[in-house]
Amino acid sequence: MADTKPTPKRKPNAAFMKPVQPDEALAAIVGSKPLPRTELTKKLWDYIKKHGLQDAKSKTTINADAALKAVFDGRASVSMFEMTKLVSKHLVS
């Protein structure tokens, strides 16, 4: 019989839990209060889903509306992987 050790609980990364301040463009989507990156990402996805901005054919593509274009450097669509990098530019340290 193999030893079964309980899997240790993953600790959240402190950097992700530290509140960040969205700039004006990003605040229009997620609110103006400082919030952890995890919560910011959740609110961003809630907005994308609520407004039907995820591309129907390519689920990894986000089609920007006017508010998101301000965050996405004026681009009409970005991949969800590019989105993280573009959103980072809108965080005030």
N, C-alpha and C. Protein backbone atom coordinates (compact mmCIF):
# COMPACT_ATOMS: atom_id res chain seq x y z
N MET A 1 0.83 -1.19 0.00
CA MET A 1 0.00 0.00 0.00
C MET A 1 0.87 1.26 0.00
N ALA A 2 0.54 2.21 -0.84
CA ALA A 2 1.33 3.43 -0.95
C ALA A 2 0.91 4.43 0.13
N ASP A 3 1.89 5.19 0.60
CA ASP A 3 1.60 6.24 1.57
C ASP A 3 0.83 7.35 0.87
N THR A 4 -0.26 7.76 1.41
CA THR A 4 -1.00 8.88 0.82
C THR A 4 -0.90 10.06 1.77
N LYS A 5 -0.11 11.01 1.34
CA LYS A 5 0.04 12.23 2.14
C LYS A 5 -1.03 13.22 1.72
N PRO A 6 -1.59 13.94 2.66
CA PRO A 6 -2.56 14.96 2.24
C PRO A 6 -1.85 16.04 1.43
N THR A 7 -2.49 16.45 0.36
CA THR A 7 -1.91 17.49 -0.48
C THR A 7 -1.91 18.80 0.30
N PRO A 8 -0.74 19.45 0.40
CA PRO A 8 -0.71 20.72 1.13
C PRO A 8 -1.53 21.79 0.42
N LYS A 9 -2.23 22.59 1.20
CA LYS A 9 -3.01 23.69 0.63
C LYS A 9 -2.06 24.67 -0.03
N ARG A 10 -2.45 25.13 -1.24
CA ARG A 10 -1.63 26.14 -1.92
C ARG A 10 -1.87 27.48 -1.26
N LYS A 11 -0.77 28.16 -0.95
CA LYS A 11 -0.90 29.50 -0.39
C LYS A 11 -1.01 30.48 -1.55
N PRO A 12 -1.94 31.43 -1.48
CA PRO A 12 -2.01 32.42 -2.54
C PRO A 12 -0.73 33.25 -2.56
N ASN A 13 -0.27 33.58 -3.74
CA ASN A 13 0.92 34.39 -3.89
C ASN A 13 0.63 35.78 -3.35
N ALA A 14 1.47 36.25 -2.46
CA ALA A 14 1.26 37.56 -1.82
C ALA A 14 1.19 38.69 -2.84
N ALA A 15 1.94 38.58 -3.93
CA ALA A 15 1.94 39.63 -4.96
C ALA A 15 0.56 39.75 -5.62
N PHE A 16 -0.13 38.62 -5.78
CA PHE A 16 -1.46 38.65 -6.39
C PHE A 16 -2.50 39.20 -5.42
N MET A 17 -2.24 39.06 -4.14
CA MET A 17 -3.22 39.49 -3.14
C MET A 17 -3.06 40.97 -2.76
N LYS A 18 -1.92 41.57 -3.09
CA LYS A 18 -1.68 42.97 -2.76
C LYS A 18 -2.60 43.85 -3.62
N PRO A 19 -3.36 44.72 -3.01
CA PRO A 19 -4.26 45.57 -3.80
C PRO A 19 -3.50 46.47 -4.77
N VAL A 20 -4.06 46.59 -5.99
CA VAL A 20 -3.50 47.47 -7.01
C VAL A 20 -4.56 48.52 -7.35
N GLN A 21 -4.11 49.67 -7.80
CA GLN A 21 -5.00 50.79 -8.10
C GLN A 21 -5.22 50.89 -9.61
N PRO A 22 -6.46 50.66 -10.09
CA PRO A 22 -6.71 50.83 -11.52
C PRO A 22 -6.68 52.31 -11.91
N ASP A 23 -6.18 52.62 -13.11
CA ASP A 23 -6.21 54.00 -13.58
C ASP A 23 -7.64 54.33 -14.04
N GLU A 24 -7.84 55.52 -14.58
CA GLU A 24 -9.17 55.98 -14.96
C GLU A 24 -9.85 55.08 -15.99
N ALA A 25 -9.10 54.66 -17.03
CA ALA A 25 -9.67 53.84 -18.10
C ALA A 25 -10.13 52.48 -17.57
N LEU A 26 -9.31 51.87 -16.74
CA LEU A 26 -9.65 50.56 -16.18
C LEU A 26 -10.73 50.67 -15.10
N ALA A 27 -10.71 51.78 -14.36
CA ALA A 27 -11.70 52.00 -13.31
C ALA A 27 -13.13 52.06 -13.88
N ALA A 28 -13.27 52.47 -15.14
CA ALA A 28 -14.58 52.52 -15.78
C ALA A 28 -15.19 51.12 -15.89
N ILE A 29 -14.34 50.10 -15.84
CA ILE A 29 -14.80 48.71 -15.97
C ILE A 29 -14.87 48.00 -14.61
N VAL A 30 -13.82 48.14 -13.80
CA VAL A 30 -13.73 47.36 -12.55
C VAL A 30 -13.98 48.17 -11.28
N GLY A 31 -14.16 49.47 -11.41
CA GLY A 31 -14.35 50.31 -10.23
C GLY A 31 -13.05 51.01 -9.85
N SER A 32 -13.14 52.06 -9.07
CA SER A 32 -11.97 52.88 -8.78
C SER A 32 -11.23 52.51 -7.50
N LYS A 33 -11.78 51.57 -6.72
CA LYS A 33 -11.12 51.18 -5.47
C LYS A 33 -9.95 50.24 -5.73
N PRO A 34 -8.88 50.33 -4.92
CA PRO A 34 -7.78 49.36 -5.04
C PRO A 34 -8.30 47.95 -4.76
N LEU A 35 -7.88 46.98 -5.55
CA LEU A 35 -8.30 45.61 -5.34
C LEU A 35 -7.21 44.64 -5.76
N PRO A 36 -7.19 43.43 -5.19
CA PRO A 36 -6.16 42.45 -5.56
C PRO A 36 -6.28 42.08 -7.03
N ARG A 37 -5.15 41.71 -7.65
CA ARG A 37 -5.15 41.32 -9.06
C ARG A 37 -6.15 40.23 -9.36
N THR A 38 -6.29 39.28 -8.44
CA THR A 38 -7.22 38.17 -8.65
C THR A 38 -8.64 38.69 -8.79
N GLU A 39 -9.01 39.63 -7.93
CA GLU A 39 -10.35 40.22 -7.96
C GLU A 39 -10.52 41.09 -9.20
N LEU A 40 -9.48 41.82 -9.57
CA LEU A 40 -9.52 42.66 -10.76
C LEU A 40 -9.78 41.80 -12.00
N THR A 41 -9.07 40.68 -12.11
CA THR A 41 -9.24 39.78 -13.25
C THR A 41 -10.66 39.22 -13.27
N LYS A 42 -11.18 38.86 -12.10
CA LYS A 42 -12.53 38.31 -12.01
C LYS A 42 -13.55 39.35 -12.48
N LYS A 43 -13.39 40.60 -12.03
CA LYS A 43 -14.32 41.65 -12.43
C LYS A 43 -14.24 41.93 -13.93
N LEU A 44 -13.03 41.86 -14.47
CA LEU A 44 -12.83 42.08 -15.91
C LEU A 44 -13.57 41.00 -16.71
N TRP A 45 -13.43 39.74 -16.28
CA TRP A 45 -14.12 38.63 -16.97
C TRP A 45 -15.63 38.73 -16.80
N ASP A 46 -16.09 39.17 -15.63
CA ASP A 46 -17.53 39.36 -15.42
C ASP A 46 -18.07 40.38 -16.43
N TYR A 47 -17.32 41.46 -16.62
CA TYR A 47 -17.70 42.52 -17.57
C TYR A 47 -17.74 41.96 -18.99
N ILE A 48 -16.69 41.20 -19.36
CA ILE A 48 -16.60 40.64 -20.72
C ILE A 48 -17.79 39.70 -20.98
N LYS A 49 -18.10 38.86 -20.02
CA LYS A 49 -19.21 37.90 -20.19
C LYS A 49 -20.56 38.61 -20.18
N LYS A 50 -20.74 39.58 -19.29
CA LYS A 50 -22.01 40.31 -19.19
C LYS A 50 -22.33 41.03 -20.50
N HIS A 51 -21.31 41.56 -21.17
CA HIS A 51 -21.51 42.31 -22.41
C HIS A 51 -21.29 41.46 -23.66
N GLY A 52 -21.08 40.15 -23.51
CA GLY A 52 -20.92 39.25 -24.64
C GLY A 52 -19.73 39.58 -25.53
N LEU A 53 -18.60 39.91 -24.93
CA LEU A 53 -17.44 40.37 -25.70
C LEU A 53 -16.46 39.25 -26.05
N GLN A 54 -16.71 38.04 -25.55
CA GLN A 54 -15.85 36.91 -25.89
C GLN A 54 -16.27 36.43 -27.28
N ASP A 55 -15.29 36.28 -28.19
CA ASP A 55 -15.59 35.87 -29.56
C ASP A 55 -16.26 34.50 -29.56
N ALA A 56 -17.32 34.34 -30.35
CA ALA A 56 -18.08 33.09 -30.38
C ALA A 56 -17.27 31.94 -30.98
N LYS A 57 -16.49 32.21 -32.02
CA LYS A 57 -15.72 31.14 -32.67
C LYS A 57 -14.41 30.86 -31.95
N SER A 58 -13.69 31.93 -31.62
CA SER A 58 -12.40 31.78 -30.95
C SER A 58 -12.54 32.29 -29.52
N LYS A 59 -12.76 31.37 -28.60
CA LYS A 59 -13.04 31.74 -27.20
C LYS A 59 -11.89 32.48 -26.53
N THR A 60 -10.68 32.40 -27.09
CA THR A 60 -9.54 33.09 -26.48
C THR A 60 -9.44 34.54 -26.95
N THR A 61 -10.34 34.96 -27.83
CA THR A 61 -10.32 36.33 -28.35
C THR A 61 -11.39 37.17 -27.66
N ILE A 62 -10.99 38.36 -27.25
CA ILE A 62 -11.91 39.32 -26.62
C ILE A 62 -12.13 40.46 -27.60
N ASN A 63 -13.40 40.72 -27.94
CA ASN A 63 -13.75 41.83 -28.82
C ASN A 63 -14.06 43.03 -27.93
N ALA A 64 -13.33 44.11 -28.13
CA ALA A 64 -13.45 45.27 -27.24
C ALA A 64 -14.64 46.15 -27.58
N ASP A 65 -15.32 46.63 -26.54
CA ASP A 65 -16.31 47.69 -26.72
C ASP A 65 -15.57 49.01 -26.44
N ALA A 66 -16.26 50.11 -26.41
CA ALA A 66 -15.61 51.41 -26.24
C ALA A 66 -14.77 51.48 -24.96
N ALA A 67 -15.31 50.97 -23.84
CA ALA A 67 -14.59 51.03 -22.56
C ALA A 67 -13.33 50.17 -22.61
N LEU A 68 -13.42 48.98 -23.19
CA LEU A 68 -12.25 48.10 -23.26
C LEU A 68 -11.21 48.59 -24.25
N LYS A 69 -11.65 49.27 -25.31
CA LYS A 69 -10.69 49.81 -26.29
C LYS A 69 -9.71 50.76 -25.61
N ALA A 70 -10.19 51.52 -24.64
CA ALA A 70 -9.33 52.44 -23.89
C ALA A 70 -8.25 51.67 -23.13
N VAL A 71 -8.58 50.49 -22.66
CA VAL A 71 -7.64 49.66 -21.92
C VAL A 71 -6.72 48.89 -22.88
N PHE A 72 -7.27 48.49 -24.03
CA PHE A 72 -6.53 47.68 -25.01
C PHE A 72 -5.77 48.52 -26.03
N ASP A 73 -5.35 49.72 -25.69
CA ASP A 73 -4.59 50.61 -26.58
C ASP A 73 -5.30 50.85 -27.91
N GLY A 74 -6.62 50.95 -27.88
CA GLY A 74 -7.39 51.25 -29.09
C GLY A 74 -7.62 50.07 -30.01
N ARG A 75 -7.19 48.87 -29.62
CA ARG A 75 -7.37 47.69 -30.48
C ARG A 75 -8.78 47.14 -30.37
N ALA A 76 -9.32 46.66 -31.49
CA ALA A 76 -10.69 46.15 -31.54
C ALA A 76 -10.80 44.77 -30.90
N SER A 77 -9.73 43.96 -30.98
CA SER A 77 -9.77 42.65 -30.34
C SER A 77 -8.36 42.23 -29.93
N VAL A 78 -8.30 41.47 -28.84
CA VAL A 78 -7.02 40.97 -28.33
C VAL A 78 -7.24 39.54 -27.84
N SER A 79 -6.16 38.79 -27.73
CA SER A 79 -6.29 37.45 -27.15
C SER A 79 -6.30 37.61 -25.64
N MET A 80 -6.83 36.62 -24.94
CA MET A 80 -6.90 36.73 -23.47
C MET A 80 -5.50 36.77 -22.86
N PHE A 81 -4.51 36.27 -23.60
CA PHE A 81 -3.13 36.29 -23.10
C PHE A 81 -2.54 37.69 -23.22
N GLU A 82 -2.86 38.40 -24.30
CA GLU A 82 -2.41 39.79 -24.46
C GLU A 82 -3.13 40.69 -23.47
N MET A 83 -4.36 40.35 -23.17
CA MET A 83 -5.19 41.17 -22.28
C MET A 83 -4.50 41.43 -20.95
N THR A 84 -3.90 40.40 -20.37
CA THR A 84 -3.23 40.54 -19.07
C THR A 84 -2.13 41.58 -19.14
N LYS A 85 -1.33 41.54 -20.20
CA LYS A 85 -0.23 42.48 -20.37
C LYS A 85 -0.77 43.91 -20.56
N LEU A 86 -1.81 44.05 -21.36
CA LEU A 86 -2.38 45.38 -21.61
C LEU A 86 -3.02 45.96 -20.36
N VAL A 87 -3.67 45.11 -19.56
CA VAL A 87 -4.32 45.58 -18.33
C VAL A 87 -3.26 46.04 -17.33
N SER A 88 -2.12 45.36 -17.29
CA SER A 88 -1.03 45.72 -16.36
C SER A 88 -0.58 47.16 -16.55
N LYS A 89 -0.65 47.66 -17.78
CA LYS A 89 -0.24 49.04 -18.07
C LYS A 89 -1.19 50.06 -17.43
N HIS A 90 -2.36 49.60 -17.01
CA HIS A 90 -3.35 50.51 -16.45
C HIS A 90 -3.46 50.41 -14.93
N LEU A 91 -2.41 49.89 -14.31
CA LEU A 91 -2.37 49.81 -12.85
C LEU A 91 -1.41 50.86 -12.32
N VAL A 92 -1.88 51.67 -11.41
CA VAL A 92 -1.07 52.73 -10.82
C VAL A 92 -0.38 52.16 -9.59
N SER A 93 0.95 52.33 -9.52
CA SER A 93 1.64 51.77 -8.35
C SER A 93 1.64 52.73 -7.19
